Each structure stands twice: as C-alpha cells, then as structure tokens.
Protein backbone atom coordinates (compact mmCIF):
# COMPACT_ATOMS: atom_id res chain seq x y z
CA MET A 1 91.87 255.87 22.74
CA ALA A 2 95.06 254.20 23.84
CA VAL A 3 95.91 250.76 25.16
CA PHE A 4 97.70 250.59 28.49
CA GLN A 5 99.43 247.46 29.78
CA CYS A 6 100.32 246.56 33.37
CA THR A 7 104.06 245.94 33.60
CA LYS A 8 103.56 243.46 36.45
CA CYS A 9 100.83 241.08 35.24
CA GLY A 10 100.34 242.05 31.57
CA PHE A 11 96.69 243.10 31.92
CA GLU A 12 95.60 245.44 29.11
CA LYS A 13 93.06 248.24 29.41
CA GLU A 14 91.80 250.57 26.69
CA GLY A 15 90.99 254.14 27.59
CA ARG A 16 91.90 257.81 27.31
CA CYS A 17 93.66 258.05 30.67
CA LYS A 18 96.30 255.84 32.25
CA PRO A 19 94.72 253.74 35.03
CA GLN A 20 95.94 254.45 38.57
CA LYS A 21 95.55 250.85 39.75
CA CYS A 22 95.48 247.51 37.96
CA PRO A 23 92.08 245.80 38.42
CA GLN A 24 93.68 242.38 37.97
CA CYS A 25 96.74 242.37 40.26
CA GLY A 26 96.00 245.47 42.38
CA GLU A 27 99.38 247.15 41.83
CA LYS A 28 99.45 250.95 41.57
CA LYS A 29 101.25 252.98 38.89
CA THR A 30 102.31 249.95 36.83
CA PHE A 31 100.59 250.90 33.55
CA GLU A 32 102.54 251.93 30.46
CA LYS A 33 101.16 252.97 27.09
CA LYS A 34 101.35 250.18 24.55
CA SER A 35 102.31 251.05 20.97
CA GLU A 36 99.53 250.54 18.44
CA GLY A 37 101.53 249.10 15.52
CA GLY A 38 101.59 251.77 12.81
CA LYS A 39 98.81 254.06 14.06
CA ALA A 40 99.97 257.61 14.70
C-alpha cells in the first residue's frame, strides 16, 4: 500500500492505485505518491 497526496489541497489517501480524482477538492490528476520515511 502507498500513500498518495493531492498537490492542490493536501488530502491524503492510502491505496494500491493512484486516485483519478480527489474526493475532497474534486480536482483530477493531482495525486502524487508520498514517500514513506525509510520504508523501501
């Protein structure tokens, strides 16, 4: 599992796939994978 963060509003979602749309702000294609501090 990875954590993805919306670059517009900062909303974070955990999952295997990058979300297409942010459920909080409604923007599309704004998610980027967030690094998990030390986990490979």
